[in-house]
PDB file of N, CA and C in Angstrom:
ATOM      1  N   MET A   1       1.010  -1.732   0.195  1.00  0.00           N
ATOM      2  CA  MET A   1      -0.172   0.022   0.325  1.00  0.00           C
ATOM      3  C   MET A   1       0.644   1.221  -0.096  1.00  0.00           C
ATOM      4  N   SER A   2       0.278   1.948  -0.725  1.00  0.00           N
ATOM      5  CA  SER A   2       1.559   2.562  -0.863  1.00  0.00           C
ATOM      6  C   SER A   2       0.707   3.782  -0.789  1.00  0.00           C
ATOM      7  N   SER A   3       0.548   4.199   0.464  1.00  0.00           N
ATOM      8  CA  SER A   3      -0.159   5.760   1.234  1.00  0.00           C
ATOM      9  C   SER A   3      -0.546   6.141   2.177  1.00  0.00           C
ATOM     10  N   GLY A   4       1.469   6.414   2.131  1.00  0.00           N
ATOM     11  CA  GLY A   4       2.365   6.729   3.272  1.00  0.00           C
ATOM     12  C   GLY A   4       2.303   6.959   5.156  1.00  0.00           C
ATOM     13  N   ILE A   5       2.060   4.684   4.646  1.00  0.00           N
ATOM     14  CA  ILE A   5       2.060   4.049   5.747  1.00  0.00           C
ATOM     15  C   ILE A   5       3.656   4.074   6.611  1.00  0.00           C
ATOM     16  N   THR A   6       3.655   4.559   7.761  1.00  0.00           N
ATOM     17  CA  THR A   6       4.941   4.170   8.241  1.00  0.00           C
ATOM     18  C   THR A   6       4.941   3.111   9.119  1.00  0.00           C
ATOM     19  N   GLU A   7       6.775   2.865   9.951  1.00  0.00           N
ATOM     20  CA  GLU A   7       6.508   1.831  11.117  1.00  0.00           C
ATOM     21  C   GLU A   7       5.912   2.347  12.525  1.00  0.00           C
ATOM     22  N   THR A   8       5.660   3.800  12.140  1.00  0.00           N
ATOM     23  CA  THR A   8       4.624   3.672  13.881  1.00  0.00           C
ATOM     24  C   THR A   8       3.313   3.606  12.980  1.00  0.00           C
ATOM     25  N   ASP A   9       2.644   2.659  12.603  1.00  0.00           N
ATOM     26  CA  ASP A   9       1.663   2.432  12.268  1.00  0.00           C
ATOM     27  C   ASP A   9       1.534   1.237  13.337  1.00  0.00           C
ATOM     28  N   SER A  10       0.418   1.397  13.986  1.00  0.00           N
ATOM     29  CA  SER A  10       0.167  -0.428  14.954  1.00  0.00           C
ATOM     30  C   SER A  10      -1.316  -1.386  14.890  1.00  0.00           C
ATOM     31  N   LYS A  11      -1.316  -2.045  15.320  1.00  0.00           N
ATOM     32  CA  LYS A  11      -2.566  -2.587  14.928  1.00  0.00           C
ATOM     33  C   LYS A  11      -3.463  -1.953  16.698  1.00  0.00           C
ATOM     34  N   MET A  12      -4.458  -2.862  15.687  1.00  0.00           N
ATOM     35  CA  MET A  12      -5.780  -2.045  17.912  1.00  0.00           C
ATOM     36  C   MET A  12      -4.916  -2.757  18.758  1.00  0.00           C
ATOM     37  N   LEU A  13      -4.487  -3.688  18.344  1.00  0.00           N
ATOM     38  CA  LEU A  13      -3.769  -4.688  19.911  1.00  0.00           C
ATOM     39  C   LEU A  13      -3.152  -3.489  21.104  1.00  0.00           C
ATOM     40  N   ASP A  14      -2.315  -2.694  19.831  1.00  0.00           N
ATOM     41  CA  ASP A  14      -0.900  -2.270  20.506  1.00  0.00           C
ATOM     42  C   ASP A  14      -1.445  -0.645  21.190  1.00  0.00           C
ATOM     43  N   LEU A  15      -3.108  -0.518  21.639  1.00  0.00           N
ATOM     44  CA  LEU A  15      -3.140   0.258  21.480  1.00  0.00           C
ATOM     45  C   LEU A  15      -3.194   0.541  23.032  1.00  0.00           C
ATOM     46  N   PRO A  16      -3.213   1.315  24.583  1.00  0.00           N
ATOM     47  CA  PRO A  16      -3.568   1.086  25.751  1.00  0.00           C
ATOM     48  C   PRO A  16      -4.330   1.158  26.038  1.00  0.00           C
ATOM     49  N   VAL A  17      -5.084   0.621  27.402  1.00  0.00           N
ATOM     50  CA  VAL A  17      -6.649  -0.718  27.313  1.00  0.00           C
ATOM     51  C   VAL A  17      -7.105   1.580  28.391  1.00  0.00           C
ATOM     52  N   ASP A  18      -8.487   1.154  27.372  1.00  0.00           N
ATOM     53  CA  ASP A  18      -9.041   2.528  28.380  1.00  0.00           C
ATOM     54  C   ASP A  18      -8.833   3.501  28.298  1.00  0.00           C
ATOM     55  N   PHE A  19      -8.084   4.307  27.740  1.00  0.00           N
ATOM     56  CA  PHE A  19      -7.750   5.111  27.292  1.00  0.00           C
ATOM     57  C   PHE A  19      -7.862   5.782  26.292  1.00  0.00           C
ATOM     58  N   PRO A  20      -8.412   7.775  25.883  1.00  0.00           N
ATOM     59  CA  PRO A  20      -9.054   7.987  24.817  1.00  0.00           C
ATOM     60  C   PRO A  20      -8.025   8.171  23.727  1.00  0.00           C
ATOM     61  N   LYS A  21      -7.782   8.201  22.302  1.00  0.00           N
ATOM     62  CA  LYS A  21      -7.804   8.870  21.445  1.00  0.00           C
ATOM     63  C   LYS A  21      -7.975   9.907  20.736  1.00  0.00           C
ATOM     64  N   GLU A  22      -6.896  10.850  20.556  1.00  0.00           N
ATOM     65  CA  GLU A  22      -7.579  11.481  19.099  1.00  0.00           C
ATOM     66  C   GLU A  22      -7.697  10.957  17.500  1.00  0.00           C
ATOM     67  N   ILE A  23      -8.600  11.165  17.652  1.00  0.00           N
ATOM     68  CA  ILE A  23      -8.705  10.320  15.831  1.00  0.00           C
ATOM     69  C   ILE A  23      -8.643  11.645  14.668  1.00  0.00           C
ATOM     70  N   VAL A  24      -7.538  12.120  13.956  1.00  0.00           N
ATOM     71  CA  VAL A  24      -7.152  12.998  13.294  1.00  0.00           C
ATOM     72  C   VAL A  24      -8.075  12.878  12.440  1.00  0.00           C
ATOM     73  N   CYS A  25      -7.802  11.918  11.677  1.00  0.00           N
ATOM     74  CA  CYS A  25      -8.548  11.293  10.429  1.00  0.00           C
ATOM     75  C   CYS A  25      -8.990  10.407   9.785  1.00  0.00           C
ATOM     76  N   ALA A  26      -9.755   9.967   9.200  1.00  0.00           N
ATOM     77  CA  ALA A  26     -10.483   8.679   9.224  1.00  0.00           C
ATOM     78  C   ALA A  26     -10.053   8.155   7.555  1.00  0.00           C
ATOM     79  N   LYS A  27     -10.057   6.796   7.142  1.00  0.00           N
ATOM     80  CA  LYS A  27     -10.357   6.947   5.597  1.00  0.00           C
ATOM     81  C   LYS A  27     -10.660   5.227   5.011  1.00  0.00           C
ATOM     82  N   LEU A  28     -10.581   5.206   3.321  1.00  0.00           N
ATOM     83  CA  LEU A  28     -10.719   3.490   4.004  1.00  0.00           C
ATOM     84  C   LEU A  28      -9.582   3.426   2.848  1.00  0.00           C
ATOM     85  N   VAL A  29      -8.627   2.269   3.658  1.00  0.00           N
ATOM     86  CA  VAL A  29      -7.886   2.298   2.461  1.00  0.00           C
ATOM     87  C   VAL A  29      -7.943   0.996   2.031  1.00  0.00           C
ATOM     88  N   LYS A  30      -7.747   0.107   1.122  1.00  0.00           N
ATOM     89  CA  LYS A  30      -8.016  -1.296  -0.198  1.00  0.00           C
ATOM     90  C   LYS A  30      -6.979  -1.638   0.862  1.00  0.00           C
ATOM     91  N   GLY A  31      -6.366  -3.136   0.991  1.00  0.00           N
ATOM     92  CA  GLY A  31      -5.181  -3.481   1.541  1.00  0.00           C
ATOM     93  C   GLY A  31      -4.983  -4.939   0.775  1.00  0.00           C
ATOM     94  N   LYS A  32      -4.218  -5.653   1.436  1.00  0.00           N
ATOM     95  CA  LYS A  32      -4.481  -7.473   0.775  1.00  0.00           C
ATOM     96  C   LYS A  32      -6.015  -8.535   0.835  1.00  0.00           C
ATOM     97  N   TYR A  33      -6.366  -8.092   2.153  1.00  0.00           N
ATOM     98  CA  TYR A  33      -7.914  -8.204   1.995  1.00  0.00           C
ATOM     99  C   TYR A  33      -8.832  -7.909   1.805  1.00  0.00           C
ATOM    100  N   GLY A  34      -8.650  -6.911   1.581  1.00  0.00           N
ATOM    101  CA  GLY A  34     -10.052  -5.837   0.395  1.00  0.00           C
ATOM    102  C   GLY A  34      -9.961  -3.810   1.394  1.00  0.00           C
ATOM    103  N   SER A  35     -10.655  -3.209   1.612  1.00  0.00           N
ATOM    104  CA  SER A  35     -11.522  -1.964   1.959  1.00  0.00           C
ATOM    105  C   SER A  35     -11.231  -2.061   4.287  1.00  0.00           C
ATOM    106  N   GLN A  36     -10.275  -1.750   4.552  1.00  0.00           N
ATOM    107  CA  GLN A  36     -10.324  -1.453   6.390  1.00  0.00           C
ATOM    108  C   GLN A  36     -10.448  -0.089   6.535  1.00  0.00           C
ATOM    109  N   VAL A  37     -10.493  -0.217   7.604  1.00  0.00           N
ATOM    110  CA  VAL A  37     -10.835   1.346   7.439  1.00  0.00           C
ATOM    111  C   VAL A  37      -9.223   1.974   8.935  1.00  0.00           C
ATOM    112  N   LEU A  38      -8.466   3.115   8.262  1.00  0.00           N
ATOM    113  CA  LEU A  38      -7.338   3.642   9.345  1.00  0.00           C
ATOM    114  C   LEU A  38      -8.652   4.413   9.520  1.00  0.00           C
ATOM    115  N   LEU A  39      -7.545   4.122  10.646  1.00  0.00           N
ATOM    116  CA  LEU A  39      -7.428   5.720  11.567  1.00  0.00           C
ATOM    117  C   LEU A  39      -5.808   6.585  11.654  1.00  0.00           C
ATOM    118  N   GLU A  40      -5.605   7.569  11.253  1.00  0.00           N
ATOM    119  CA  GLU A  40      -4.868   8.073  12.156  1.00  0.00           C
ATOM    120  C   GLU A  40      -5.282   8.998  13.386  1.00  0.00           C
ATOM    121  N   LEU A  41      -4.220   8.798  14.322  1.00  0.00           N
ATOM    122  CA  LEU A  41      -4.437   8.971  15.835  1.00  0.00           C
ATOM    123  C   LEU A  41      -3.366   9.825  15.917  1.00  0.00           C
ATOM    124  N   ASP A  42      -3.183  10.349  17.269  1.00  0.00           N
ATOM    125  CA  ASP A  42      -1.860  11.635  17.387  1.00  0.00           C
ATOM    126  C   ASP A  42      -0.622  11.588  17.436  1.00  0.00           C
ATOM    127  N   GLU A  43      -0.521  10.071  17.837  1.00  0.00           N
ATOM    128  CA  GLU A  43       0.260   9.630  17.111  1.00  0.00           C
ATOM    129  C   GLU A  43       0.914   8.392  16.386  1.00  0.00           C
ATOM    130  N   CYS A  44      -0.326   7.572  16.173  1.00  0.00           N
ATOM    131  CA  CYS A  44      -0.434   6.547  15.186  1.00  0.00           C
ATOM    132  C   CYS A  44      -0.828   6.538  14.306  1.00  0.00           C
ATOM    133  N   VAL A  45      -0.703   5.725  13.953  1.00  0.00           N
ATOM    134  CA  VAL A  45      -2.176   5.066  13.109  1.00  0.00           C
ATOM    135  C   VAL A  45      -2.003   3.656  13.200  1.00  0.00           C
ATOM    136  N   VAL A  46      -3.599   3.089  13.255  1.00  0.00           N
ATOM    137  CA  VAL A  46      -4.304   1.205  13.572  1.00  0.00           C
ATOM    138  C   VAL A  46      -5.151   1.485  12.409  1.00  0.00           C
ATOM    139  N   PHE A  47      -5.155   0.072  12.510  1.00  0.00           N
ATOM    140  CA  PHE A  47      -6.599  -0.343  11.162  1.00  0.00           C
ATOM    141  C   PHE A  47      -7.196  -1.022  12.193  1.00  0.00           C
ATOM    142  N   LEU A  48      -8.592  -1.179  11.778  1.00  0.00           N
ATOM    143  CA  LEU A  48      -9.505  -0.921  12.691  1.00  0.00           C
ATOM    144  C   LEU A  48      -9.945  -2.828  11.554  1.00  0.00           C
ATOM    145  N   PRO A  49     -10.547  -4.080  13.269  1.00  0.00           N
ATOM    146  CA  PRO A  49     -10.898  -5.257  12.557  1.00  0.00           C
ATOM    147  C   PRO A  49     -12.095  -4.735  11.678  1.00  0.00           C
ATOM    148  N   GLN A  50     -11.783  -5.759  10.069  1.00  0.00           N
ATOM    149  CA  GLN A  50     -12.158  -6.219   8.882  1.00  0.00           C
ATOM    150  C   GLN A  50     -13.767  -5.721   9.534  1.00  0.00           C
ATOM    151  N   PRO A  51     -14.416  -6.790  10.359  1.00  0.00           N
ATOM    152  CA  PRO A  51     -15.609  -6.620  10.489  1.00  0.00           C
ATOM    153  C   PRO A  51     -16.048  -5.223  10.817  1.00  0.00           C
ATOM    154  N   SER A  52     -15.359  -4.272  11.164  1.00  0.00           N
ATOM    155  CA  SER A  52     -16.477  -2.728  11.253  1.00  0.00           C
ATOM    156  C   SER A  52     -15.672  -2.336   9.729  1.00  0.00           C
ATOM    157  N   THR A  53     -15.755  -2.796   9.058  1.00  0.00           N
ATOM    158  CA  THR A  53     -15.833  -1.604   7.720  1.00  0.00           C
ATOM    159  C   THR A  53     -16.784  -1.800   7.596  1.00  0.00           C
ATOM    160  N   ALA A  54     -18.131  -2.658   6.957  1.00  0.00           N
ATOM    161  CA  ALA A  54     -18.634  -2.564   7.102  1.00  0.00           C
ATOM    162  C   ALA A  54     -19.943  -1.012   7.498  1.00  0.00           C
ATOM    163  N   ILE A  55     -19.581  -0.881   9.256  1.00  0.00           N
ATOM    164  CA  ILE A  55     -20.642  -0.582  10.018  1.00  0.00           C
ATOM    165  C   ILE A  55     -19.981   0.649   9.580  1.00  0.00           C
ATOM    166  N   LEU A  56     -18.371   1.211   9.286  1.00  0.00           N
ATOM    167  CA  LEU A  56     -18.240   2.741   9.851  1.00  0.00           C
ATOM    168  C   LEU A  56     -17.916   3.162   8.749  1.00  0.00           C
ATOM    169  N   ALA A  57     -18.114   2.226   7.412  1.00  0.00           N
ATOM    170  CA  ALA A  57     -17.472   2.741   6.280  1.00  0.00           C
ATOM    171  C   ALA A  57     -17.942   4.558   5.994  1.00  0.00           C
ATOM    172  N   PRO A  58     -19.609   4.970   6.102  1.00  0.00           N
ATOM    173  CA  PRO A  58     -20.556   5.725   5.345  1.00  0.00           C
ATOM    174  C   PRO A  58     -20.654   6.645   6.679  1.00  0.00           C
ATOM    175  N   HIS A  59     -20.429   6.328   7.243  1.00  0.00           N
ATOM    176  CA  HIS A  59     -19.625   7.586   8.604  1.00  0.00           C
ATOM    177  C   HIS A  59     -17.885   7.962   8.754  1.00  0.00           C
ATOM    178  N   LEU A  60     -17.074   8.048   8.001  1.00  0.00           N
ATOM    179  CA  LEU A  60     -15.718   8.436   8.591  1.00  0.00           C
ATOM    180  C   LEU A  60     -15.663  10.200   8.753  1.00  0.00           C
ATOM    181  N   LYS A  61     -16.530  10.172   8.040  1.00  0.00           N
ATOM    182  CA  LYS A  61     -15.888  12.337   8.304  1.00  0.00           C
ATOM    183  C   LYS A  61     -15.888  12.703   9.371  1.00  0.00           C
ATOM    184  N   SER A  62     -17.545  11.946  10.164  1.00  0.00           N
ATOM    185  CA  SER A  62     -17.980  12.466  11.154  1.00  0.00           C
ATOM    186  C   SER A  62     -16.809  11.982  12.508  1.00  0.00           C
ATOM    187  N   LEU A  63     -16.581  10.451  12.341  1.00  0.00           N
ATOM    188  CA  LEU A  63     -15.435   9.838  13.403  1.00  0.00           C
ATOM    189  C   LEU A  63     -14.448  11.176  13.543  1.00  0.00           C
ATOM    190  N   LYS A  64     -13.967  12.221  12.758  1.00  0.00           N
ATOM    191  CA  LYS A  64     -12.733  12.653  13.953  1.00  0.00           C
ATOM    192  C   LYS A  64     -13.460  13.753  14.445  1.00  0.00           C
ATOM    193  N   CYS A  65     -14.675  13.351  14.204  1.00  0.00           N
ATOM    194  CA  CYS A  65     -15.617  14.581  16.242  1.00  0.00           C
ATOM    195  C   CYS A  65     -15.115  13.238  16.679  1.00  0.00           C
ATOM    196  N   HIS A  66     -14.493  12.234  17.012  1.00  0.00           N
ATOM    197  CA  HIS A  66     -14.032  11.194  18.593  1.00  0.00           C
ATOM    198  C   HIS A  66     -13.211  11.005  18.993  1.00  0.00           C
ATOM    199  N   ARG A  67     -13.264  10.064  20.046  1.00  0.00           N
ATOM    200  CA  ARG A  67     -11.915   9.602  19.599  1.00  0.00           C
ATOM    201  C   ARG A  67     -12.450   7.957  20.765  1.00  0.00           C
ATOM    202  N   ILE A  68     -11.024   7.633  20.576  1.00  0.00           N
ATOM    203  CA  ILE A  68     -11.376   5.849  20.158  1.00  0.00           C
ATOM    204  C   ILE A  68     -10.888   6.165  22.331  1.00  0.00           C
ATOM    205  N   ILE A  69     -11.138   4.768  21.964  1.00  0.00           N
ATOM    206  CA  ILE A  69     -10.513   3.844  23.709  1.00  0.00           C
ATOM    207  C   ILE A  69     -11.251   2.313  23.630  1.00  0.00           C
ATOM    208  N   PHE A  70      -9.638   2.091  22.975  1.00  0.00           N
ATOM    209  CA  PHE A  70      -9.858   0.162  23.172  1.00  0.00           C
ATOM    210  C   PHE A  70      -9.906   0.728  24.786  1.00  0.00           C
ATOM    211  N   CYS A  71     -10.497  -1.177  23.996  1.00  0.00           N
ATOM    212  CA  CYS A  71     -11.234  -1.452  25.781  1.00  0.00           C
ATOM    213  C   CYS A  71     -10.739  -3.174  25.859  1.00  0.00           C
ATOM    214  N   GLY A  72      -9.751  -3.555  25.421  1.00  0.00           N
ATOM    215  CA  GLY A  72      -9.441  -5.010  25.060  1.00  0.00           C
ATOM    216  C   GLY A  72     -10.188  -5.855  24.380  1.00  0.00           C
ATOM    217  N   THR A  73      -9.901  -7.045  24.845  1.00  0.00           N
ATOM    218  CA  THR A  73     -10.311  -8.254  23.394  1.00  0.00           C
ATOM    219  C   THR A  73     -11.803  -8.251  23.795  1.00  0.00           C
ATOM    220  N   ARG A  74     -12.095  -9.781  23.212  1.00  0.00           N
ATOM    221  CA  ARG A  74     -13.518 -10.654  23.266  1.00  0.00           C
ATOM    222  C   ARG A  74     -13.670 -11.456  22.503  1.00  0.00           C
ATOM    223  N   LYS A  75     -12.871 -12.149  22.816  1.00  0.00           N
ATOM    224  CA  LYS A  75     -13.422 -13.869  22.583  1.00  0.00           C
ATOM    225  C   LYS A  75     -14.658 -14.224  21.284  1.00  0.00           C
ATOM    226  N   ILE A  76     -14.110 -14.539  19.795  1.00  0.00           N
ATOM    227  CA  ILE A  76     -15.162 -14.322  19.228  1.00  0.00           C
ATOM    228  C   ILE A  76     -15.430 -15.905  18.332  1.00  0.00           C
ATOM    229  N   SER A  77     -13.860 -16.581  18.941  1.00  0.00           N
ATOM    230  CA  SER A  77     -14.884 -18.262  18.440  1.00  0.00           C
ATOM    231  C   SER A  77     -13.868 -19.075  19.864  1.00  0.00           C
ATOM    232  N   SER A  78     -13.806 -20.215  19.548  1.00  0.00           N
ATOM    233  CA  SER A  78     -12.813 -21.120  20.848  1.00  0.00           C
ATOM    234  C   SER A  78     -11.435 -20.476  20.047  1.00  0.00           C
ATOM    235  N   HIS A  79     -10.075 -19.877  18.704  1.00  0.00           N
ATOM    236  CA  HIS A  79      -9.350 -20.624  18.850  1.00  0.00           C
ATOM    237  C   HIS A  79      -8.844 -18.502  17.891  1.00  0.00           C
ATOM    238  N   HIS A  80      -9.662 -17.428  18.051  1.00  0.00           N
ATOM    239  CA  HIS A  80      -9.909 -16.442  17.717  1.00  0.00           C
ATOM    240  C   HIS A  80     -10.809 -14.985  19.011  1.00  0.00           C
ATOM    241  N   GLN A  81      -9.775 -13.840  19.135  1.00  0.00           N
ATOM    242  CA  GLN A  81      -9.887 -13.192  19.291  1.00  0.00           C
ATOM    243  C   GLN A  81     -10.207 -11.554  18.636  1.00  0.00           C
ATOM    244  N   GLN A  82     -10.980 -10.563  19.116  1.00  0.00           N
ATOM    245  CA  GLN A  82     -10.593  -9.111  18.199  1.00  0.00           C
ATOM    246  C   GLN A  82     -10.644  -8.335  19.473  1.00  0.00           C
ATOM    247  N   ALA A  83     -10.608  -7.523  18.554  1.00  0.00           N
ATOM    248  CA  ALA A  83     -10.496  -6.104  19.498  1.00  0.00           C
ATOM    249  C   ALA A  83     -11.660  -5.977  19.751  1.00  0.00           C
ATOM    250  N   ASP A  84     -11.275  -5.257  20.761  1.00  0.00           N
ATOM    251  CA  ASP A  84     -12.950  -4.693  21.139  1.00  0.00           C
ATOM    252  C   ASP A  84     -13.100  -2.633  21.805  1.00  0.00           C
ATOM    253  N   PHE A  85     -13.826  -1.897  20.811  1.00  0.00           N
ATOM    254  CA  PHE A  85     -13.651  -0.286  20.867  1.00  0.00           C
ATOM    255  C   PHE A  85     -14.813   0.427  21.366  1.00  0.00           C
ATOM    256  N   GLN A  86     -14.519   1.121  21.212  1.00  0.00           N
ATOM    257  CA  GLN A  86     -15.597   2.348  21.681  1.00  0.00           C
ATOM    258  C   GLN A  86     -15.101   3.421  20.489  1.00  0.00           C
ATOM    259  N   PHE A  87     -16.477   4.401  20.025  1.00  0.00           N
ATOM    260  CA  PHE A  87     -15.948   6.151  20.486  1.00  0.00           C
ATOM    261  C   PHE A  87     -16.662   6.509  21.475  1.00  0.00           C
ATOM    262  N   LEU A  88     -16.287   8.243  21.698  1.00  0.00           N
ATOM    263  CA  LEU A  88     -16.875   9.120  22.695  1.00  0.00           C
ATOM    264  C   LEU A  88     -16.594  10.119  21.431  1.00  0.00           C
ATOM    265  N   GLU A  89     -17.107  11.299  21.874  1.00  0.00           N
ATOM    266  CA  GLU A  89     -17.555  12.073  20.930  1.00  0.00           C
ATOM    267  C   GLU A  89     -17.093  13.140  21.520  1.00  0.00           C
ATOM    268  N   ALA A  90     -15.693  13.789  20.509  1.00  0.00           N
ATOM    269  CA  ALA A  90     -14.863  14.939  21.362  1.00  0.00           C
ATOM    270  C   ALA A  90     -15.837  15.709  22.366  1.00  0.00           C
ATOM    271  N   GLU A  91     -16.724  16.096  22.722  1.00  0.00           N
ATOM    272  CA  GLU A  91     -17.728  17.118  23.676  1.00  0.00           C
ATOM    273  C   GLU A  91     -17.771  16.286  25.166  1.00  0.00           C
ATOM    274  N   GLU A  92     -17.916  15.053  25.345  1.00  0.00           N
ATOM    275  CA  GLU A  92     -17.869  14.576  25.821  1.00  0.00           C
ATOM    276  C   GLU A  92     -16.239  13.952  26.780  1.00  0.00           C
ATOM    277  N   MET A  93     -15.364  14.833  25.902  1.00  0.00           N
ATOM    278  CA  MET A  93     -13.667  14.296  26.856  1.00  0.00           C
ATOM    279  C   MET A  93     -13.967  15.562  27.460  1.00  0.00           C
ATOM    280  N   ASN A  94     -13.785  17.133  27.748  1.00  0.00           N
ATOM    281  CA  ASN A  94     -14.109  18.440  28.055  1.00  0.00           C
ATOM    282  C   ASN A  94     -14.660  18.282  29.715  1.00  0.00           C
ATOM    283  N   ILE A  95     -13.281  18.026  29.857  1.00  0.00           N
ATOM    284  CA  ILE A  95     -13.324  16.688  31.256  1.00  0.00           C
ATOM    285  C   ILE A  95     -12.545  17.717  31.988  1.00  0.00           C
ATOM    286  N   ASP A  96     -12.331  18.636  33.585  1.00  0.00           N
ATOM    287  CA  ASP A  96     -11.478  18.312  33.596  1.00  0.00           C
ATOM    288  C   ASP A  96     -10.420  17.500  34.189  1.00  0.00           C
ATOM    289  N   PHE A  97      -9.656  17.802  35.097  1.00  0.00           N
ATOM    290  CA  PHE A  97      -8.521  15.984  35.159  1.00  0.00           C
ATOM    291  C   PHE A  97      -9.267  15.085  36.094  1.00  0.00           C
ATOM    292  N   VAL A  98     -10.178  16.282  37.894  1.00  0.00           N
ATOM    293  CA  VAL A  98     -10.600  15.333  38.893  1.00  0.00           C
ATOM    294  C   VAL A  98     -11.799  14.426  37.786  1.00  0.00           C
ATOM    295  N   ASP A  99     -12.278  14.849  37.141  1.00  0.00           N
ATOM    296  CA  ASP A  99     -13.496  14.295  37.116  1.00  0.00           C
ATOM    297  C   ASP A  99     -12.872  13.078  35.626  1.00  0.00           C
ATOM    298  N   MET A 100     -11.444  13.533  35.322  1.00  0.00           N
ATOM    299  CA  MET A 100     -10.843  12.701  34.328  1.00  0.00           C
ATOM    300  C   MET A 100     -10.497  10.859  35.850  1.00  0.00           C
ATOM    301  N   TYR A 101     -10.015  11.551  36.994  1.00  0.00           N
ATOM    302  CA  TYR A 101      -9.814  10.983  37.198  1.00  0.00           C
ATOM    303  C   TYR A 101     -10.925   9.708  37.610  1.00  0.00           C
ATOM    304  N   ARG A 102     -11.862  10.554  38.532  1.00  0.00           N
ATOM    305  CA  ARG A 102     -12.828   9.051  38.621  1.00  0.00           C
ATOM    306  C   ARG A 102     -12.975   8.952  37.083  1.00  0.00           C
ATOM    307  N   TYR A 103     -13.432   8.730  35.982  1.00  0.00           N
ATOM    308  CA  TYR A 103     -13.991   8.679  35.222  1.00  0.00           C
ATOM    309  C   TYR A 103     -12.841   7.002  35.008  1.00  0.00           C
ATOM    310  N   MET A 104     -10.929   7.123  34.813  1.00  0.00           N
ATOM    311  CA  MET A 104     -10.668   6.051  35.256  1.00  0.00           C
ATOM    312  C   MET A 104     -10.630   5.120  36.273  1.00  0.00           C
ATOM    313  N   VAL A 105     -10.731   5.582  37.282  1.00  0.00           N
ATOM    314  CA  VAL A 105     -11.034   4.521  38.319  1.00  0.00           C
ATOM    315  C   VAL A 105     -12.367   4.084  38.350  1.00  0.00           C
ATOM    316  N   GLU A 106     -13.301   4.672  37.798  1.00  0.00           N
ATOM    317  CA  GLU A 106     -15.202   4.242  37.778  1.00  0.00           C
ATOM    318  C   GLU A 106     -14.558   2.991  36.723  1.00  0.00           C
ATOM    319  N   LEU A 107     -13.862   3.185  35.269  1.00  0.00           N
ATOM    320  CA  LEU A 107     -13.907   2.053  34.531  1.00  0.00           C
ATOM    321  C   LEU A 107     -12.857   0.957  34.842  1.00  0.00           C
ATOM    322  N   LEU A 108     -11.876   1.442  35.504  1.00  0.00           N
ATOM    323  CA  LEU A 108     -10.628   0.758  36.114  1.00  0.00           C
ATOM    324  C   LEU A 108     -11.396  -0.918  37.442  1.00  0.00           C
ATOM    325  N   MET A 109     -12.288   0.269  38.515  1.00  0.00           N
ATOM    326  CA  MET A 109     -13.178  -1.320  39.201  1.00  0.00           C
ATOM    327  C   MET A 109     -14.434  -1.611  38.290  1.00  0.00           C
ATOM    328  N   ASP A 110     -15.171  -1.470  37.111  1.00  0.00           N
ATOM    329  CA  ASP A 110     -15.729  -2.067  36.396  1.00  0.00           C
ATOM    330  C   ASP A 110     -15.050  -2.905  36.563  1.00  0.00           C
ATOM    331  N   ARG A 111     -13.363  -2.996  35.585  1.00  0.00           N
ATOM    332  CA  ARG A 111     -13.383  -4.172  35.258  1.00  0.00           C
ATOM    333  C   ARG A 111     -12.435  -5.514  36.017  1.00  0.00           C
ATOM    334  N   ILE A 112     -12.145  -4.846  37.681  1.00  0.00           N
ATOM    335  CA  ILE A 112     -12.399  -5.997  38.465  1.00  0.00           C
ATOM    336  C   ILE A 112     -12.945  -6.146  38.401  1.00  0.00           C
ATOM    337  N   LEU A 113     -14.582  -5.853  38.869  1.00  0.00           N
ATOM    338  CA  LEU A 113     -15.868  -5.377  39.065  1.00  0.00           C
ATOM    339  C   LEU A 113     -16.132  -7.354  38.536  1.00  0.00           C
ATOM    340  N   LYS A 114     -16.282  -7.274  36.477  1.00  0.00           N
ATOM    341  CA  LYS A 114     -15.933  -8.434  35.957  1.00  0.00           C
ATOM    342  C   LYS A 114     -15.208  -9.395  36.471  1.00  0.00           C
ATOM    343  N   ARG A 115     -14.056  -9.300  36.638  1.00  0.00           N
ATOM    344  CA  ARG A 115     -12.495 -10.294  36.204  1.00  0.00           C
ATOM    345  C   ARG A 115     -13.285 -11.160  37.571  1.00  0.00           C
ATOM    346  N   ILE A 116     -13.546 -10.088  38.677  1.00  0.00           N
ATOM    347  CA  ILE A 116     -13.989 -10.974  40.106  1.00  0.00           C
ATOM    348  C   ILE A 116     -15.695 -12.572  39.891  1.00  0.00           C
ATOM    349  N   GLU A 117     -15.993 -11.919  39.653  1.00  0.00           N
ATOM    350  CA  GLU A 117     -17.857 -12.774  38.581  1.00  0.00           C
ATOM    351  C   GLU A 117     -17.230 -13.189  37.779  1.00  0.00           C
ATOM    352  N   HIS A 118     -15.731 -13.013  37.142  1.00  0.00           N
ATOM    353  CA  HIS A 118     -15.591 -14.415  36.049  1.00  0.00           C
ATOM    354  C   HIS A 118     -15.251 -15.571  37.170  1.00  0.00           C
ATOM    355  N   PHE A 119     -13.659 -14.736  37.841  1.00  0.00           N
ATOM    356  CA  PHE A 119     -13.970 -16.240  38.633  1.00  0.00           C
ATOM    357  C   PHE A 119     -14.666 -17.005  38.790  1.00  0.00           C
ATOM    358  N   VAL A 120     -16.086 -16.268  39.969  1.00  0.00           N
ATOM    359  CA  VAL A 120     -16.537 -16.324  40.732  1.00  0.00           C
ATOM    360  C   VAL A 120     -17.059 -17.546  40.508  1.00  0.00           C
ATOM    361  N   TYR A 121     -17.404 -17.189  38.578  1.00  0.00           N
ATOM    362  CA  TYR A 121     -18.193 -18.454  37.955  1.00  0.00           C
ATOM    363  C   TYR A 121     -17.360 -19.818  37.580  1.00  0.00           C
ATOM    364  N   LEU A 122     -16.515 -18.938  37.312  1.00  0.00           N
ATOM    365  CA  LEU A 122     -15.373 -20.363  37.232  1.00  0.00           C
ATOM    366  C   LEU A 122     -14.873 -21.245  37.643  1.00  0.00           C
ATOM    367  N   TRP A 123     -15.302 -20.265  38.932  1.00  0.00           N
ATOM    368  CA  TRP A 123     -14.941 -21.397  40.130  1.00  0.00           C
ATOM    369  C   TRP A 123     -15.467 -22.236  40.701  1.00  0.00           C
ATOM    370  N   ALA A 124     -17.288 -21.961  40.285  1.00  0.00           N
ATOM    371  CA  ALA A 124     -18.721 -22.502  41.220  1.00  0.00           C
ATOM    372  C   ALA A 124     -18.611 -23.099  39.835  1.00  0.00           C
ATOM    373  N   LEU A 125     -18.223 -23.118  38.562  1.00  0.00           N
ATOM    374  CA  LEU A 125     -17.724 -24.762  38.016  1.00  0.00           C
ATOM    375  C   LEU A 125     -17.893 -25.934  38.519  1.00  0.00           C
TER     376      LEU A 125
END
């Protein structure tokens, strides 16, 4: 691909978990396995998972007003995992430091509680 992609390219899995990243630009590129959404973030470029292309392709221009949060991975079959992510509108991120701290603590607590519930479920089996 000759779209100016450099060594700063990364996969979604390379992003920090639960940390919002500003989307500078979103575009559709043709790759080895068909079309895929490419996001230019503030420090790097990431490709979104292939299944998201059909859903996001009509909305590429509006993604510039959003931030992306990588939420980790989720199992999609017994042998495969897929990146789990969400978008936040830029206005939602206009909060002060204390609110950001609370937001991060809530996310962390939510993840801890989900893991505890998962372990309790596995232990009960």
